[in-house]
PDB file of N, CA and C in Angstrom:
ATOM      1  N   UNK A   1       5.670  17.071   6.054  1.00  0.00           N
ATOM      2  CA  UNK A   1       4.302  16.366   6.379  1.00  0.00           C
ATOM      3  C   UNK A   1       3.944  16.781   7.868  1.00  0.00           C
ATOM      4  N   UNK A   2       2.785  17.172   7.980  1.00  0.00           N
ATOM      5  CA  UNK A   2       2.275  17.362   9.329  1.00  0.00           C
ATOM      6  C   UNK A   2       1.768  16.247  10.131  1.00  0.00           C
ATOM      7  N   UNK A   3       1.779  16.312  11.383  1.00  0.00           N
ATOM      8  CA  UNK A   3       1.344  15.117  12.215  1.00  0.00           C
ATOM      9  C   UNK A   3       0.027  14.677  11.787  1.00  0.00           C
ATOM     10  N   UNK A   4      -1.142  15.519  11.759  1.00  0.00           N
ATOM     11  CA  UNK A   4      -2.341  15.409  11.301  1.00  0.00           C
ATOM     12  C   UNK A   4      -2.447  14.527   9.967  1.00  0.00           C
ATOM     13  N   UNK A   5      -1.535  14.878   8.868  1.00  0.00           N
ATOM     14  CA  UNK A   5      -1.616  14.260   7.817  1.00  0.00           C
ATOM     15  C   UNK A   5      -1.152  12.909   8.079  1.00  0.00           C
ATOM     16  N   UNK A   6       0.061  12.650   8.664  1.00  0.00           N
ATOM     17  CA  UNK A   6       0.593  11.304   8.990  1.00  0.00           C
ATOM     18  C   UNK A   6      -0.689  10.455   9.664  1.00  0.00           C
ATOM     19  N   UNK A   7      -1.267  11.033  10.567  1.00  0.00           N
ATOM     20  CA  UNK A   7      -2.276  10.151  11.367  1.00  0.00           C
ATOM     21  C   UNK A   7      -3.406   9.941  10.435  1.00  0.00           C
ATOM     22  N   UNK A   8      -3.668  10.609   9.389  1.00  0.00           N
ATOM     23  CA  UNK A   8      -4.807  10.361   8.340  1.00  0.00           C
ATOM     24  C   UNK A   8      -4.521   9.337   7.610  1.00  0.00           C
ATOM     25  N   UNK A   9      -3.130   9.356   7.091  1.00  0.00           N
ATOM     26  CA  UNK A   9      -2.857   8.201   6.131  1.00  0.00           C
ATOM     27  C   UNK A   9      -2.871   7.088   7.084  1.00  0.00           C
ATOM     28  N   UNK A  10      -2.328   6.823   8.322  1.00  0.00           N
ATOM     29  CA  UNK A  10      -2.431   5.784   8.976  1.00  0.00           C
ATOM     30  C   UNK A  10      -3.954   5.037   9.288  1.00  0.00           C
ATOM     31  N   UNK A  11      -4.789   6.014   9.457  1.00  0.00           N
ATOM     32  CA  UNK A  11      -6.128   5.795   9.694  1.00  0.00           C
ATOM     33  C   UNK A  11      -6.561   5.108   8.440  1.00  0.00           C
ATOM     34  N   UNK A  12      -6.497   5.897   7.161  1.00  0.00           N
ATOM     35  CA  UNK A  12      -6.956   5.361   5.872  1.00  0.00           C
ATOM     36  C   UNK A  12      -6.177   3.889   5.659  1.00  0.00           C
ATOM     37  N   UNK A  13      -5.089   3.872   5.759  1.00  0.00           N
ATOM     38  CA  UNK A  13      -4.267   2.654   5.507  1.00  0.00           C
ATOM     39  C   UNK A  13      -4.699   1.412   6.297  1.00  0.00           C
ATOM     40  N   UNK A  14      -5.034   1.660   7.440  1.00  0.00           N
ATOM     41  CA  UNK A  14      -5.646   0.709   8.433  1.00  0.00           C
ATOM     42  C   UNK A  14      -6.856   0.261   8.185  1.00  0.00           C
ATOM     43  N   UNK A  15      -7.722   1.209   7.722  1.00  0.00           N
ATOM     44  CA  UNK A  15      -9.246   0.802   7.374  1.00  0.00           C
ATOM     45  C   UNK A  15      -8.996  -0.054   5.972  1.00  0.00           C
ATOM     46  N   UNK A  16      -8.047   0.630   5.174  1.00  0.00           N
ATOM     47  CA  UNK A  16      -8.068  -0.294   3.744  1.00  0.00           C
ATOM     48  C   UNK A  16      -7.490  -1.751   4.147  1.00  0.00           C
ATOM     49  N   UNK A  17      -6.627  -1.694   5.122  1.00  0.00           N
ATOM     50  CA  UNK A  17      -5.991  -3.254   5.516  1.00  0.00           C
ATOM     51  C   UNK A  17      -7.005  -4.041   6.018  1.00  0.00           C
ATOM     52  N   UNK A  18      -7.990  -3.650   6.949  1.00  0.00           N
ATOM     53  CA  UNK A  18      -8.813  -4.085   7.583  1.00  0.00           C
ATOM     54  C   UNK A  18      -9.902  -4.946   6.620  1.00  0.00           C
ATOM     55  N   UNK A  19     -10.344  -3.646   5.693  1.00  0.00           N
ATOM     56  CA  UNK A  19     -11.411  -4.444   4.635  1.00  0.00           C
ATOM     57  C   UNK A  19     -10.608  -5.463   4.055  1.00  0.00           C
ATOM     58  N   UNK A  20      -9.611  -5.182   3.454  1.00  0.00           N
ATOM     59  CA  UNK A  20      -8.952  -6.104   2.479  1.00  0.00           C
ATOM     60  C   UNK A  20      -8.748  -7.518   3.230  1.00  0.00           C
ATOM     61  N   UNK A  21      -8.548  -7.650   4.456  1.00  0.00           N
ATOM     62  CA  UNK A  21      -8.174  -8.515   5.377  1.00  0.00           C
ATOM     63  C   UNK A  21      -9.634  -9.437   5.628  1.00  0.00           C
ATOM     64  N   UNK A  22     -10.681  -8.577   5.788  1.00  0.00           N
ATOM     65  CA  UNK A  22     -12.040  -9.417   5.699  1.00  0.00           C
ATOM     66  C   UNK A  22     -12.346 -10.064   4.488  1.00  0.00           C
ATOM     67  N   UNK A  23     -12.075  -9.178   3.269  1.00  0.00           N
ATOM     68  CA  UNK A  23     -12.582  -9.632   2.014  1.00  0.00           C
ATOM     69  C   UNK A  23     -11.638 -10.992   1.729  1.00  0.00           C
ATOM     70  N   UNK A  24     -10.459 -10.872   1.929  1.00  0.00           N
ATOM     71  CA  UNK A  24      -9.570 -12.193   1.665  1.00  0.00           C
ATOM     72  C   UNK A  24      -9.994 -13.263   2.580  1.00  0.00           C
ATOM     73  N   UNK A  25     -10.125 -13.112   4.005  1.00  0.00           N
ATOM     74  CA  UNK A  25     -10.805 -14.163   4.852  1.00  0.00           C
ATOM     75  C   UNK A  25     -11.982 -14.781   4.224  1.00  0.00           C
ATOM     76  N   UNK A  26     -12.894 -14.041   3.633  1.00  0.00           N
ATOM     77  CA  UNK A  26     -13.876 -14.679   3.100  1.00  0.00           C
ATOM     78  C   UNK A  26     -13.515 -15.228   1.823  1.00  0.00           C
ATOM     79  N   UNK A  27     -12.748 -14.588   0.712  1.00  0.00           N
ATOM     80  CA  UNK A  27     -12.440 -15.360  -0.599  1.00  0.00           C
ATOM     81  C   UNK A  27     -11.762 -16.651  -0.236  1.00  0.00           C
ATOM     82  N   UNK A  28     -10.800 -16.606   0.498  1.00  0.00           N
ATOM     83  CA  UNK A  28      -9.829 -17.736   0.607  1.00  0.00           C
ATOM     84  C   UNK A  28     -10.742 -18.850   1.584  1.00  0.00           C
ATOM     85  N   UNK A  29     -11.754 -18.627   2.083  1.00  0.00           N
ATOM     86  CA  UNK A  29     -12.282 -19.452   2.932  1.00  0.00           C
ATOM     87  C   UNK A  29     -13.738 -20.196   2.446  1.00  0.00           C
ATOM     88  N   UNK A  30     -14.090 -19.453   1.440  1.00  0.00           N
ATOM     89  CA  UNK A  30     -15.305 -20.050   0.678  1.00  0.00           C
ATOM     90  C   UNK A  30     -15.018 -21.197   0.012  1.00  0.00           C
ATOM     91  N   UNK A  31     -15.756 -22.034  -0.236  1.00  0.00           N
ATOM     92  CA  UNK A  31     -15.667 -23.189  -0.951  1.00  0.00           C
ATOM     93  C   UNK A  31     -16.588 -23.074  -2.317  1.00  0.00           C
ATOM     94  N   UNK A  32     -17.153 -21.903  -2.662  1.00  0.00           N
ATOM     95  CA  UNK A  32     -17.997 -21.926  -3.865  1.00  0.00           C
ATOM     96  C   UNK A  32     -16.767 -21.559  -4.900  1.00  0.00           C
ATOM     97  N   UNK A  33     -15.876 -20.920  -4.660  1.00  0.00           N
ATOM     98  CA  UNK A  33     -14.647 -20.732  -5.794  1.00  0.00           C
ATOM     99  C   UNK A  33     -13.796 -21.644  -5.917  1.00  0.00           C
ATOM    100  N   UNK A  34     -13.317 -21.924  -6.782  1.00  0.00           N
ATOM    101  CA  UNK A  34     -12.484 -23.170  -7.160  1.00  0.00           C
ATOM    102  C   UNK A  34     -10.895 -22.991  -6.495  1.00  0.00           C
ATOM    103  N   UNK A  35     -10.190 -23.840  -6.016  1.00  0.00           N
ATOM    104  CA  UNK A  35      -9.013 -23.531  -5.642  1.00  0.00           C
ATOM    105  C   UNK A  35      -8.192 -22.862  -6.500  1.00  0.00           C
ATOM    106  N   UNK A  36      -7.999 -23.356  -7.743  1.00  0.00           N
ATOM    107  CA  UNK A  36      -7.260 -22.802  -8.739  1.00  0.00           C
ATOM    108  C   UNK A  36      -6.988 -21.398  -8.764  1.00  0.00           C
ATOM    109  N   UNK A  37      -8.541 -20.862  -8.870  1.00  0.00           N
ATOM    110  CA  UNK A  37      -8.907 -19.591  -9.076  1.00  0.00           C
ATOM    111  C   UNK A  37      -8.402 -18.650  -7.936  1.00  0.00           C
ATOM    112  N   UNK A  38      -8.525 -19.203  -6.717  1.00  0.00           N
ATOM    113  CA  UNK A  38      -8.034 -18.688  -5.521  1.00  0.00           C
ATOM    114  C   UNK A  38      -6.705 -18.290  -5.382  1.00  0.00           C
ATOM    115  N   UNK A  39      -5.839 -19.444  -6.109  1.00  0.00           N
ATOM    116  CA  UNK A  39      -4.537 -19.433  -5.884  1.00  0.00           C
ATOM    117  C   UNK A  39      -4.103 -18.526  -6.919  1.00  0.00           C
ATOM    118  N   UNK A  40      -4.634 -18.425  -7.986  1.00  0.00           N
ATOM    119  CA  UNK A  40      -4.256 -17.381  -8.987  1.00  0.00           C
ATOM    120  C   UNK A  40      -4.604 -16.109  -8.705  1.00  0.00           C
ATOM    121  N   UNK A  41      -5.611 -15.761  -8.117  1.00  0.00           N
ATOM    122  CA  UNK A  41      -5.950 -14.340  -7.572  1.00  0.00           C
ATOM    123  C   UNK A  41      -4.858 -14.062  -6.253  1.00  0.00           C
ATOM    124  N   UNK A  42      -4.737 -15.011  -5.659  1.00  0.00           N
ATOM    125  CA  UNK A  42      -3.621 -14.664  -4.460  1.00  0.00           C
ATOM    126  C   UNK A  42      -2.304 -14.237  -5.070  1.00  0.00           C
ATOM    127  N   UNK A  43      -1.877 -15.055  -6.133  1.00  0.00           N
ATOM    128  CA  UNK A  43      -0.635 -14.650  -6.747  1.00  0.00           C
ATOM    129  C   UNK A  43      -0.605 -13.320  -7.264  1.00  0.00           C
ATOM    130  N   UNK A  44      -1.837 -13.026  -8.049  1.00  0.00           N
ATOM    131  CA  UNK A  44      -2.030 -11.674  -8.569  1.00  0.00           C
ATOM    132  C   UNK A  44      -1.927 -10.400  -7.438  1.00  0.00           C
ATOM    133  N   UNK A  45      -2.510 -10.810  -6.357  1.00  0.00           N
ATOM    134  CA  UNK A  45      -2.551  -9.688  -5.409  1.00  0.00           C
ATOM    135  C   UNK A  45      -1.065  -9.734  -4.813  1.00  0.00           C
ATOM    136  N   UNK A  46      -0.389 -10.842  -4.352  1.00  0.00           N
ATOM    137  CA  UNK A  46       0.908 -10.647  -3.740  1.00  0.00           C
ATOM    138  C   UNK A  46       1.933  -9.744  -4.659  1.00  0.00           C
ATOM    139  N   UNK A  47       1.866 -10.230  -6.332  1.00  0.00           N
ATOM    140  CA  UNK A  47       2.449  -9.396  -7.200  1.00  0.00           C
ATOM    141  C   UNK A  47       2.285  -7.764  -6.987  1.00  0.00           C
ATOM    142  N   UNK A  48       0.891  -7.600  -7.149  1.00  0.00           N
ATOM    143  CA  UNK A  48       0.524  -6.120  -7.057  1.00  0.00           C
ATOM    144  C   UNK A  48       1.147  -5.539  -5.577  1.00  0.00           C
ATOM    145  N   UNK A  49       1.004  -6.242  -4.616  1.00  0.00           N
ATOM    146  CA  UNK A  49       1.675  -5.707  -3.349  1.00  0.00           C
ATOM    147  C   UNK A  49       3.238  -5.206  -3.529  1.00  0.00           C
ATOM    148  N   UNK A  50       3.908  -6.189  -4.208  1.00  0.00           N
ATOM    149  CA  UNK A  50       5.352  -6.038  -4.179  1.00  0.00           C
ATOM    150  C   UNK A  50       5.760  -5.157  -5.122  1.00  0.00           C
ATOM    151  N   UNK A  51       5.027  -5.093  -6.224  1.00  0.00           N
ATOM    152  CA  UNK A  51       5.065  -3.656  -7.184  1.00  0.00           C
ATOM    153  C   UNK A  51       4.885  -2.412  -6.314  1.00  0.00           C
ATOM    154  N   UNK A  52       4.092  -2.404  -5.684  1.00  0.00           N
ATOM    155  CA  UNK A  52       3.456  -0.932  -5.263  1.00  0.00           C
ATOM    156  C   UNK A  52       4.580  -0.945  -4.122  1.00  0.00           C
ATOM    157  N   UNK A  53       5.113  -1.740  -3.196  1.00  0.00           N
ATOM    158  CA  UNK A  53       5.909  -1.398  -2.428  1.00  0.00           C
ATOM    159  C   UNK A  53       7.445  -1.245  -2.876  1.00  0.00           C
ATOM    160  N   UNK A  54       7.803  -1.793  -4.087  1.00  0.00           N
ATOM    161  CA  UNK A  54       9.099  -1.494  -4.508  1.00  0.00           C
ATOM    162  C   UNK A  54       9.023   0.061  -5.115  1.00  0.00           C
ATOM    163  N   UNK A  55       7.657   0.446  -5.813  1.00  0.00           N
ATOM    164  CA  UNK A  55       7.597   1.811  -6.346  1.00  0.00           C
ATOM    165  C   UNK A  55       7.734   2.836  -5.065  1.00  0.00           C
ATOM    166  N   UNK A  56       6.977   2.408  -4.050  1.00  0.00           N
ATOM    167  CA  UNK A  56       6.949   3.255  -2.760  1.00  0.00           C
ATOM    168  C   UNK A  56       8.456   3.449  -2.229  1.00  0.00           C
ATOM    169  N   UNK A  57       9.117   2.498  -2.279  1.00  0.00           N
ATOM    170  CA  UNK A  57      10.321   2.365  -1.618  1.00  0.00           C
ATOM    171  C   UNK A  57      11.513   3.290  -2.455  1.00  0.00           C
ATOM    172  N   UNK A  58      11.264   2.998  -3.756  1.00  0.00           N
ATOM    173  CA  UNK A  58      12.246   3.936  -4.875  1.00  0.00           C
ATOM    174  C   UNK A  58      11.732   5.358  -4.803  1.00  0.00           C
ATOM    175  N   UNK A  59      10.469   5.742  -4.656  1.00  0.00           N
ATOM    176  CA  UNK A  59      10.176   6.896  -4.448  1.00  0.00           C
ATOM    177  C   UNK A  59      10.495   7.654  -3.136  1.00  0.00           C
ATOM    178  N   UNK A  60      10.468   6.852  -2.109  1.00  0.00           N
ATOM    179  CA  UNK A  60      11.280   7.465  -0.831  1.00  0.00           C
ATOM    180  C   UNK A  60      12.626   7.519  -0.839  1.00  0.00           C
ATOM    181  N   UNK A  61      13.494   6.542  -1.432  1.00  0.00           N
ATOM    182  CA  UNK A  61      15.135   6.644  -1.658  1.00  0.00           C
ATOM    183  C   UNK A  61      15.175   7.922  -2.496  1.00  0.00           C
ATOM    184  N   UNK A  62      14.453   8.176  -3.556  1.00  0.00           N
ATOM    185  CA  UNK A  62      14.576   9.310  -4.372  1.00  0.00           C
ATOM    186  C   UNK A  62      14.457  10.586  -3.846  1.00  0.00           C
ATOM    187  N   UNK A  63      13.484  10.657  -2.844  1.00  0.00           N
ATOM    188  CA  UNK A  63      13.214  11.964  -2.343  1.00  0.00           C
ATOM    189  C   UNK A  63      13.721  12.171  -0.863  1.00  0.00           C
ATOM    190  N   UNK A  64      14.546  11.271  -0.433  1.00  0.00           N
ATOM    191  CA  UNK A  64      15.272  11.472   0.896  1.00  0.00           C
ATOM    192  C   UNK A  64      16.304  12.311   0.813  1.00  0.00           C
ATOM    193  N   UNK A  65      16.578  13.294   1.516  1.00  0.00           N
ATOM    194  CA  UNK A  65      17.451  14.316   1.572  1.00  0.00           C
ATOM    195  C   UNK A  65      17.521  15.463   0.448  1.00  0.00           C
ATOM    196  N   UNK A  66      16.364  15.541  -0.091  1.00  0.00           N
ATOM    197  CA  UNK A  66      15.975  16.804  -0.995  1.00  0.00           C
ATOM    198  C   UNK A  66      15.075  17.712  -0.321  1.00  0.00           C
ATOM    199  N   UNK A  67      14.974  17.484   1.014  1.00  0.00           N
ATOM    200  CA  UNK A  67      13.749  18.459   1.737  1.00  0.00           C
ATOM    201  C   UNK A  67      14.757  19.990   1.508  1.00  0.00           C
ATOM    202  N   UNK A  68      15.697  20.012   1.784  1.00  0.00           N
ATOM    203  CA  UNK A  68      16.332  21.484   1.741  1.00  0.00           C
ATOM    204  C   UNK A  68      16.667  22.334   0.367  1.00  0.00           C
ATOM    205  N   UNK A  69      16.204  21.533  -0.787  1.00  0.00           N
ATOM    206  CA  UNK A  69      16.587  22.113  -2.192  1.00  0.00           C
ATOM    207  C   UNK A  69      16.159  23.445  -2.198  1.00  0.00           C
ATOM    208  N   UNK A  70      15.009  23.814  -1.882  1.00  0.00           N
ATOM    209  CA  UNK A  70      14.243  24.883  -2.300  1.00  0.00           C
ATOM    210  C   UNK A  70      14.350  25.966  -1.121  1.00  0.00           C
ATOM    211  N   UNK A  71      15.186  25.732  -0.132  1.00  0.00           N
ATOM    212  CA  UNK A  71      14.991  26.698   1.014  1.00  0.00           C
ATOM    213  C   UNK A  71      15.548  28.153   0.855  1.00  0.00           C
ATOM    214  N   UNK A  72      16.458  28.349  -0.384  1.00  0.00           N
ATOM    215  CA  UNK A  72      17.323  29.509  -0.485  1.00  0.00           C
ATOM    216  C   UNK A  72      16.790  30.099  -1.570  1.00  0.00           C
ATOM    217  N   UNK A  73      15.659  29.871  -2.048  1.00  0.00           N
ATOM    218  CA  UNK A  73      14.898  30.752  -3.184  1.00  0.00           C
ATOM    219  C   UNK A  73      14.218  32.029  -2.563  1.00  0.00           C
ATOM    220  N   UNK A  74      14.698  33.168  -3.584  1.00  0.00           N
ATOM    221  CA  UNK A  74      14.184  34.351  -3.136  1.00  0.00           C
ATOM    222  C   UNK A  74      13.221  34.915  -4.073  1.00  0.00           C
ATOM    223  N   UNK A  75      12.159  35.573  -3.654  1.00  0.00           N
ATOM    224  CA  UNK A  75      10.842  36.101  -4.144  1.00  0.00           C
ATOM    225  C   UNK A  75      11.287  37.442  -4.679  1.00  0.00           C
TER     226      UNK A  75
END
């Protein structure tokens, strides 16, 4: 992966995290939405984050060390 791609992923991830942070601050700070619903949505968000992190970690472990697999292919 090139350095520009890594920088792009970092910037995109940072922007998404900032937007999500502002939304969550508003969502959990407002009194219009009931407390039970806010707790339920919080549990769903934590569950989705844990699933994505576990899938990403498994993907990372599966591809770690396989970079040299196709270097000796002749055309």
